[in-house]
Amino acid sequence: MLLWLLYSLDLNPIENLWYLLKERLMRDYLYLALLKKNEDSLEELIKSAEKVWDSLEQLLINDLIDSMPRCVVAVIEAKG
């Protein structure tokens, strides 16, 4: 494990996954932004996020993981 990944969020593949999750949530469940902030809307958000999470393709996740060596090399070449 690369220790500095804990402090370099842009090098962490989960950050890209969170971005995709949020993007798909906004695309497919835009109405959530219009709901009042209460327990019911929180439950709706959680259910919707779980649906999007479950729909993420394994190939996409594998691609994010496989991109790590290239990202690390790019950071090293750029000297940080």
PDB file of N, CA and C in Angstrom:
ATOM      1  N   MET A   1       0.841  -1.186   0.000  1.00  0.00           N
ATOM      2  CA  MET A   1       0.000   0.000   0.000  1.00  0.00           C
ATOM      3  C   MET A   1       0.882   1.244   0.000  1.00  0.00           C
ATOM      4  N   LEU A   2       0.478   2.228  -0.757  1.00  0.00           N
ATOM      5  CA  LEU A   2       1.204   3.488  -0.789  1.00  0.00           C
ATOM      6  C   LEU A   2       0.666   4.382   0.316  1.00  0.00           C
ATOM      7  N   LEU A   3       1.515   4.717   1.265  1.00  0.00           N
ATOM      8  CA  LEU A   3       1.058   5.439   2.447  1.00  0.00           C
ATOM      9  C   LEU A   3       0.506   6.818   2.125  1.00  0.00           C
ATOM     10  N   TRP A   4       1.079   7.501   1.136  1.00  0.00           N
ATOM     11  CA  TRP A   4       0.617   8.855   0.889  1.00  0.00           C
ATOM     12  C   TRP A   4      -0.770   8.897   0.245  1.00  0.00           C
ATOM     13  N   LEU A   5      -1.293   7.764  -0.200  1.00  0.00           N
ATOM     14  CA  LEU A   5      -2.632   7.753  -0.777  1.00  0.00           C
ATOM     15  C   LEU A   5      -3.692   8.199   0.226  1.00  0.00           C
ATOM     16  N   LEU A   6      -3.406   7.995   1.491  1.00  0.00           N
ATOM     17  CA  LEU A   6      -4.346   8.432   2.514  1.00  0.00           C
ATOM     18  C   LEU A   6      -4.512   9.946   2.509  1.00  0.00           C
ATOM     19  N   TYR A   7      -3.499  10.652   2.052  1.00  0.00           N
ATOM     20  CA  TYR A   7      -3.513  12.110   2.063  1.00  0.00           C
ATOM     21  C   TYR A   7      -3.693  12.712   0.675  1.00  0.00           C
ATOM     22  N   SER A   8      -3.714  11.876  -0.356  1.00  0.00           N
ATOM     23  CA  SER A   8      -3.863  12.341  -1.734  1.00  0.00           C
ATOM     24  C   SER A   8      -5.154  11.768  -2.295  1.00  0.00           C
ATOM     25  N   LEU A   9      -6.247  12.431  -2.014  1.00  0.00           N
ATOM     26  CA  LEU A   9      -7.547  11.894  -2.408  1.00  0.00           C
ATOM     27  C   LEU A   9      -7.679  11.724  -3.908  1.00  0.00           C
ATOM     28  N   ASP A  10      -6.981  12.556  -4.674  1.00  0.00           N
ATOM     29  CA  ASP A  10      -7.076  12.432  -6.119  1.00  0.00           C
ATOM     30  C   ASP A  10      -6.424  11.151  -6.629  1.00  0.00           C
ATOM     31  N   LEU A  11      -5.622  10.495  -5.818  1.00  0.00           N
ATOM     32  CA  LEU A  11      -5.005   9.225  -6.190  1.00  0.00           C
ATOM     33  C   LEU A  11      -5.788   8.023  -5.671  1.00  0.00           C
ATOM     34  N   ASN A  12      -6.867   8.257  -5.008  1.00  0.00           N
ATOM     35  CA  ASN A  12      -7.643   7.183  -4.414  1.00  0.00           C
ATOM     36  C   ASN A  12      -8.801   6.821  -5.354  1.00  0.00           C
ATOM     37  N   PRO A  13      -8.840   5.576  -5.875  1.00  0.00           N
ATOM     38  CA  PRO A  13      -9.887   5.213  -6.831  1.00  0.00           C
ATOM     39  C   PRO A  13     -11.297   5.360  -6.278  1.00  0.00           C
ATOM     40  N   ILE A  14     -11.474   5.258  -4.969  1.00  0.00           N
ATOM     41  CA  ILE A  14     -12.821   5.382  -4.409  1.00  0.00           C
ATOM     42  C   ILE A  14     -13.376   6.793  -4.628  1.00  0.00           C
ATOM     43  N   GLU A  15     -12.492   7.787  -4.704  1.00  0.00           N
ATOM     44  CA  GLU A  15     -12.959   9.153  -4.954  1.00  0.00           C
ATOM     45  C   GLU A  15     -13.613   9.261  -6.331  1.00  0.00           C
ATOM     46  N   ASN A  16     -13.027   8.592  -7.319  1.00  0.00           N
ATOM     47  CA  ASN A  16     -13.630   8.570  -8.648  1.00  0.00           C
ATOM     48  C   ASN A  16     -14.958   7.825  -8.636  1.00  0.00           C
ATOM     49  N   LEU A  17     -15.017   6.774  -7.826  1.00  0.00           N
ATOM     50  CA  LEU A  17     -16.254   6.014  -7.718  1.00  0.00           C
ATOM     51  C   LEU A  17     -17.352   6.853  -7.061  1.00  0.00           C
ATOM     52  N   TRP A  18     -17.006   7.606  -6.015  1.00  0.00           N
ATOM     53  CA  TRP A  18     -17.977   8.503  -5.366  1.00  0.00           C
ATOM     54  C   TRP A  18     -18.476   9.536  -6.368  1.00  0.00           C
ATOM     55  N   TYR A  19     -17.552  10.075  -7.187  1.00  0.00           N
ATOM     56  CA  TYR A  19     -17.938  11.058  -8.188  1.00  0.00           C
ATOM     57  C   TYR A  19     -18.966  10.462  -9.153  1.00  0.00           C
ATOM     58  N   LEU A  20     -18.698   9.246  -9.637  1.00  0.00           N
ATOM     59  CA  LEU A  20     -19.630   8.594 -10.559  1.00  0.00           C
ATOM     60  C   LEU A  20     -20.970   8.316  -9.892  1.00  0.00           C
ATOM     61  N   LEU A  21     -20.931   7.911  -8.633  1.00  0.00           N
ATOM     62  CA  LEU A  21     -22.169   7.671  -7.896  1.00  0.00           C
ATOM     63  C   LEU A  21     -22.994   8.949  -7.813  1.00  0.00           C
ATOM     64  N   LYS A  22     -22.355  10.044  -7.445  1.00  0.00           N
ATOM     65  CA  LYS A  22     -23.079  11.325  -7.338  1.00  0.00           C
ATOM     66  C   LYS A  22     -23.596  11.776  -8.696  1.00  0.00           C
ATOM     67  N   GLU A  23     -22.778  11.590  -9.735  1.00  0.00           N
ATOM     68  CA  GLU A  23     -23.195  11.990 -11.080  1.00  0.00           C
ATOM     69  C   GLU A  23     -24.437  11.224 -11.526  1.00  0.00           C
ATOM     70  N   ARG A  24     -24.436   9.931 -11.288  1.00  0.00           N
ATOM     71  CA  ARG A  24     -25.590   9.108 -11.683  1.00  0.00           C
ATOM     72  C   ARG A  24     -26.803   9.393 -10.818  1.00  0.00           C
ATOM     73  N   LEU A  25     -26.576   9.695  -9.551  1.00  0.00           N
ATOM     74  CA  LEU A  25     -27.697  10.082  -8.691  1.00  0.00           C
ATOM     75  C   LEU A  25     -28.364  11.354  -9.223  1.00  0.00           C
ATOM     76  N   MET A  26     -27.544  12.333  -9.582  1.00  0.00           N
ATOM     77  CA  MET A  26     -28.098  13.589 -10.099  1.00  0.00           C
ATOM     78  C   MET A  26     -28.789  13.370 -11.438  1.00  0.00           C
ATOM     79  N   ARG A  27     -28.231  12.477 -12.248  1.00  0.00           N
ATOM     80  CA  ARG A  27     -28.823  12.224 -13.567  1.00  0.00           C
ATOM     81  C   ARG A  27     -30.157  11.482 -13.449  1.00  0.00           C
ATOM     82  N   ASP A  28     -30.185  10.441 -12.618  1.00  0.00           N
ATOM     83  CA  ASP A  28     -31.347   9.552 -12.566  1.00  0.00           C
ATOM     84  C   ASP A  28     -32.368   9.909 -11.490  1.00  0.00           C
ATOM     85  N   TYR A  29     -31.944  10.671 -10.496  1.00  0.00           N
ATOM     86  CA  TYR A  29     -32.832  10.988  -9.374  1.00  0.00           C
ATOM     87  C   TYR A  29     -32.770  12.477  -9.040  1.00  0.00           C
ATOM     88  N   LEU A  30     -32.842  13.295 -10.059  1.00  0.00           N
ATOM     89  CA  LEU A  30     -32.734  14.744  -9.875  1.00  0.00           C
ATOM     90  C   LEU A  30     -33.795  15.288  -8.912  1.00  0.00           C
ATOM     91  N   TYR A  31     -34.942  14.646  -8.896  1.00  0.00           N
ATOM     92  CA  TYR A  31     -36.024  15.107  -8.017  1.00  0.00           C
ATOM     93  C   TYR A  31     -35.620  15.105  -6.544  1.00  0.00           C
ATOM     94  N   LEU A  32     -34.612  14.324  -6.182  1.00  0.00           N
ATOM     95  CA  LEU A  32     -34.184  14.283  -4.787  1.00  0.00           C
ATOM     96  C   LEU A  32     -33.748  15.658  -4.297  1.00  0.00           C
ATOM     97  N   ALA A  33     -33.189  16.463  -5.189  1.00  0.00           N
ATOM     98  CA  ALA A  33     -32.716  17.797  -4.809  1.00  0.00           C
ATOM     99  C   ALA A  33     -33.879  18.710  -4.442  1.00  0.00           C
ATOM    100  N   LEU A  34     -35.071  18.372  -4.881  1.00  0.00           N
ATOM    101  CA  LEU A  34     -36.241  19.215  -4.623  1.00  0.00           C
ATOM    102  C   LEU A  34     -36.996  18.827  -3.355  1.00  0.00           C
ATOM    103  N   LEU A  35     -36.642  17.706  -2.782  1.00  0.00           N
ATOM    104  CA  LEU A  35     -37.342  17.237  -1.579  1.00  0.00           C
ATOM    105  C   LEU A  35     -36.941  18.052  -0.357  1.00  0.00           C
ATOM    106  N   LYS A  36     -37.888  18.197   0.551  1.00  0.00           N
ATOM    107  CA  LYS A  36     -37.567  18.848   1.821  1.00  0.00           C
ATOM    108  C   LYS A  36     -36.622  17.948   2.599  1.00  0.00           C
ATOM    109  N   LYS A  37     -35.773  18.572   3.401  1.00  0.00           N
ATOM    110  CA  LYS A  37     -34.816  17.801   4.192  1.00  0.00           C
ATOM    111  C   LYS A  37     -35.499  17.272   5.446  1.00  0.00           C
ATOM    112  N   ASN A  38     -35.830  15.996   5.395  1.00  0.00           N
ATOM    113  CA  ASN A  38     -36.448  15.336   6.532  1.00  0.00           C
ATOM    114  C   ASN A  38     -36.105  13.848   6.479  1.00  0.00           C
ATOM    115  N   GLU A  39     -36.618  13.091   7.415  1.00  0.00           N
ATOM    116  CA  GLU A  39     -36.300  11.660   7.504  1.00  0.00           C
ATOM    117  C   GLU A  39     -36.758  10.901   6.257  1.00  0.00           C
ATOM    118  N   ASP A  40     -37.931  11.252   5.722  1.00  0.00           N
ATOM    119  CA  ASP A  40     -38.440  10.550   4.549  1.00  0.00           C
ATOM    120  C   ASP A  40     -37.543  10.771   3.334  1.00  0.00           C
ATOM    121  N   SER A  41     -37.113  12.008   3.140  1.00  0.00           N
ATOM    122  CA  SER A  41     -36.258  12.279   1.982  1.00  0.00           C
ATOM    123  C   SER A  41     -34.871  11.648   2.172  1.00  0.00           C
ATOM    124  N   LEU A  42     -34.406  11.577   3.408  1.00  0.00           N
ATOM    125  CA  LEU A  42     -33.134  10.907   3.678  1.00  0.00           C
ATOM    126  C   LEU A  42     -33.236   9.423   3.321  1.00  0.00           C
ATOM    127  N   GLU A  43     -34.334   8.799   3.694  1.00  0.00           N
ATOM    128  CA  GLU A  43     -34.543   7.391   3.348  1.00  0.00           C
ATOM    129  C   GLU A  43     -34.609   7.211   1.834  1.00  0.00           C
ATOM    130  N   GLU A  44     -35.258   8.131   1.141  1.00  0.00           N
ATOM    131  CA  GLU A  44     -35.351   8.074  -0.315  1.00  0.00           C
ATOM    132  C   GLU A  44     -33.966   8.220  -0.950  1.00  0.00           C
ATOM    133  N   LEU A  45     -33.160   9.120  -0.412  1.00  0.00           N
ATOM    134  CA  LEU A  45     -31.797   9.304  -0.900  1.00  0.00           C
ATOM    135  C   LEU A  45     -30.979   8.033  -0.699  1.00  0.00           C
ATOM    136  N   ILE A  46     -31.082   7.433   0.459  1.00  0.00           N
ATOM    137  CA  ILE A  46     -30.334   6.209   0.756  1.00  0.00           C
ATOM    138  C   ILE A  46     -30.743   5.081  -0.195  1.00  0.00           C
ATOM    139  N   LYS A  47     -32.042   4.905  -0.394  1.00  0.00           N
ATOM    140  CA  LYS A  47     -32.520   3.856  -1.303  1.00  0.00           C
ATOM    141  C   LYS A  47     -32.030   4.104  -2.722  1.00  0.00           C
ATOM    142  N   SER A  48     -32.087   5.342  -3.160  1.00  0.00           N
ATOM    143  CA  SER A  48     -31.649   5.690  -4.513  1.00  0.00           C
ATOM    144  C   SER A  48     -30.144   5.474  -4.666  1.00  0.00           C
ATOM    145  N   ALA A  49     -29.376   5.874  -3.666  1.00  0.00           N
ATOM    146  CA  ALA A  49     -27.922   5.686  -3.715  1.00  0.00           C
ATOM    147  C   ALA A  49     -27.571   4.200  -3.751  1.00  0.00           C
ATOM    148  N   GLU A  50     -28.304   3.396  -3.003  1.00  0.00           N
ATOM    149  CA  GLU A  50     -28.064   1.950  -3.026  1.00  0.00           C
ATOM    150  C   GLU A  50     -28.358   1.362  -4.402  1.00  0.00           C
ATOM    151  N   LYS A  51     -29.422   1.845  -5.051  1.00  0.00           N
ATOM    152  CA  LYS A  51     -29.746   1.367  -6.397  1.00  0.00           C
ATOM    153  C   LYS A  51     -28.638   1.729  -7.374  1.00  0.00           C
ATOM    154  N   VAL A  52     -28.162   2.962  -7.294  1.00  0.00           N
ATOM    155  CA  VAL A  52     -27.086   3.382  -8.190  1.00  0.00           C
ATOM    156  C   VAL A  52     -25.824   2.591  -7.893  1.00  0.00           C
ATOM    157  N   TRP A  53     -25.492   2.432  -6.627  1.00  0.00           N
ATOM    158  CA  TRP A  53     -24.291   1.683  -6.245  1.00  0.00           C
ATOM    159  C   TRP A  53     -24.354   0.260  -6.806  1.00  0.00           C
ATOM    160  N   ASP A  54     -25.510  -0.379  -6.656  1.00  0.00           N
ATOM    161  CA  ASP A  54     -25.670  -1.746  -7.149  1.00  0.00           C
ATOM    162  C   ASP A  54     -25.579  -1.828  -8.672  1.00  0.00           C
ATOM    163  N   SER A  55     -25.858  -0.721  -9.350  1.00  0.00           N
ATOM    164  CA  SER A  55     -25.837  -0.726 -10.809  1.00  0.00           C
ATOM    165  C   SER A  55     -24.445  -0.455 -11.388  1.00  0.00           C
ATOM    166  N   LEU A  56     -23.495  -0.048 -10.541  1.00  0.00           N
ATOM    167  CA  LEU A  56     -22.149   0.225 -11.042  1.00  0.00           C
ATOM    168  C   LEU A  56     -21.531  -1.073 -11.552  1.00  0.00           C
ATOM    169  N   GLU A  57     -21.008  -1.015 -12.740  1.00  0.00           N
ATOM    170  CA  GLU A  57     -20.475  -2.207 -13.383  1.00  0.00           C
ATOM    171  C   GLU A  57     -19.119  -2.585 -12.787  1.00  0.00           C
ATOM    172  N   GLN A  58     -18.895  -3.866 -12.629  1.00  0.00           N
ATOM    173  CA  GLN A  58     -17.619  -4.351 -12.096  1.00  0.00           C
ATOM    174  C   GLN A  58     -16.465  -3.943 -13.009  1.00  0.00           C
ATOM    175  N   LEU A  59     -16.714  -3.915 -14.319  1.00  0.00           N
ATOM    176  CA  LEU A  59     -15.675  -3.512 -15.260  1.00  0.00           C
ATOM    177  C   LEU A  59     -15.215  -2.085 -14.987  1.00  0.00           C
ATOM    178  N   LEU A  60     -16.147  -1.221 -14.656  1.00  0.00           N
ATOM    179  CA  LEU A  60     -15.821   0.162 -14.317  1.00  0.00           C
ATOM    180  C   LEU A  60     -14.925   0.208 -13.080  1.00  0.00           C
ATOM    181  N   ILE A  61     -15.273  -0.555 -12.086  1.00  0.00           N
ATOM    182  CA  ILE A  61     -14.482  -0.605 -10.847  1.00  0.00           C
ATOM    183  C   ILE A  61     -13.094  -1.157 -11.142  1.00  0.00           C
ATOM    184  N   ASN A  62     -13.031  -2.206 -11.952  1.00  0.00           N
ATOM    185  CA  ASN A  62     -11.729  -2.775 -12.323  1.00  0.00           C
ATOM    186  C   ASN A  62     -10.884  -1.750 -13.072  1.00  0.00           C
ATOM    187  N   ASP A  63     -11.502  -0.985 -13.968  1.00  0.00           N
ATOM    188  CA  ASP A  63     -10.769   0.042 -14.717  1.00  0.00           C
ATOM    189  C   ASP A  63     -10.187   1.098 -13.783  1.00  0.00           C
ATOM    190  N   LEU A  64     -10.950   1.490 -12.764  1.00  0.00           N
ATOM    191  CA  LEU A  64     -10.441   2.469 -11.805  1.00  0.00           C
ATOM    192  C   LEU A  64      -9.230   1.919 -11.050  1.00  0.00           C
ATOM    193  N   ILE A  65      -9.324   0.677 -10.663  1.00  0.00           N
ATOM    194  CA  ILE A  65      -8.208   0.047  -9.954  1.00  0.00           C
ATOM    195  C   ILE A  65      -7.001  -0.081 -10.875  1.00  0.00           C
ATOM    196  N   ASP A  66      -7.246  -0.508 -12.102  1.00  0.00           N
ATOM    197  CA  ASP A  66      -6.149  -0.695 -13.060  1.00  0.00           C
ATOM    198  C   ASP A  66      -5.479   0.618 -13.442  1.00  0.00           C
ATOM    199  N   SER A  67      -6.164   1.739 -13.252  1.00  0.00           N
ATOM    200  CA  SER A  67      -5.586   3.039 -13.604  1.00  0.00           C
ATOM    201  C   SER A  67      -4.573   3.520 -12.560  1.00  0.00           C
ATOM    202  N   MET A  68      -4.547   2.895 -11.406  1.00  0.00           N
ATOM    203  CA  MET A  68      -3.688   3.350 -10.318  1.00  0.00           C
ATOM    204  C   MET A  68      -2.202   3.412 -10.688  1.00  0.00           C
ATOM    205  N   PRO A  69      -1.630   2.386 -11.288  1.00  0.00           N
ATOM    206  CA  PRO A  69      -0.198   2.485 -11.624  1.00  0.00           C
ATOM    207  C   PRO A  69       0.105   3.683 -12.532  1.00  0.00           C
ATOM    208  N   ARG A  70      -0.756   3.936 -13.521  1.00  0.00           N
ATOM    209  CA  ARG A  70      -0.542   5.085 -14.410  1.00  0.00           C
ATOM    210  C   ARG A  70      -0.621   6.397 -13.632  1.00  0.00           C
ATOM    211  N   CYS A  71      -1.570   6.489 -12.723  1.00  0.00           N
ATOM    212  CA  CYS A  71      -1.715   7.713 -11.924  1.00  0.00           C
ATOM    213  C   CYS A  71      -0.490   7.944 -11.042  1.00  0.00           C
ATOM    214  N   VAL A  72      -0.017   6.892 -10.428  1.00  0.00           N
ATOM    215  CA  VAL A  72       1.148   7.012  -9.548  1.00  0.00           C
ATOM    216  C   VAL A  72       2.374   7.429 -10.350  1.00  0.00           C
ATOM    217  N   VAL A  73       2.564   6.819 -11.509  1.00  0.00           N
ATOM    218  CA  VAL A  73       3.706   7.188 -12.368  1.00  0.00           C
ATOM    219  C   VAL A  73       3.596   8.651 -12.787  1.00  0.00           C
ATOM    220  N   ALA A  74       2.394   9.098 -13.143  1.00  0.00           N
ATOM    221  CA  ALA A  74       2.204  10.491 -13.553  1.00  0.00           C
ATOM    222  C   ALA A  74       2.548  11.452 -12.420  1.00  0.00           C
ATOM    223  N   VAL A  75       2.167  11.109 -11.202  1.00  0.00           N
ATOM    224  CA  VAL A  75       2.480  11.973 -10.057  1.00  0.00           C
ATOM    225  C   VAL A  75       3.980  11.988  -9.803  1.00  0.00           C
ATOM    226  N   ILE A  76       4.615  10.847  -9.880  1.00  0.00           N
ATOM    227  CA  ILE A  76       6.067  10.768  -9.667  1.00  0.00           C
ATOM    228  C   ILE A  76       6.788  11.583 -10.741  1.00  0.00           C
ATOM    229  N   GLU A  77       6.369  11.438 -11.993  1.00  0.00           N
ATOM    230  CA  GLU A  77       7.007  12.193 -13.082  1.00  0.00           C
ATOM    231  C   GLU A  77       6.817  13.700 -12.917  1.00  0.00           C
ATOM    232  N   ALA A  78       5.676  14.087 -12.353  1.00  0.00           N
ATOM    233  CA  ALA A  78       5.402  15.513 -12.125  1.00  0.00           C
ATOM    234  C   ALA A  78       6.023  16.001 -10.826  1.00  0.00           C
ATOM    235  N   LYS A  79       6.721  15.117 -10.152  1.00  0.00           N
ATOM    236  CA  LYS A  79       7.388  15.420  -8.876  1.00  0.00           C
ATOM    237  C   LYS A  79       6.396  15.891  -7.798  1.00  0.00           C
ATOM    238  N   GLY A  80       5.334  15.141  -7.704  1.00  0.00           N
ATOM    239  CA  GLY A  80       4.416  15.384  -6.619  1.00  0.00           C
ATOM    240  C   GLY A  80       3.106  15.922  -6.992  1.00  0.00           C
TER     241      GLY A  80
END
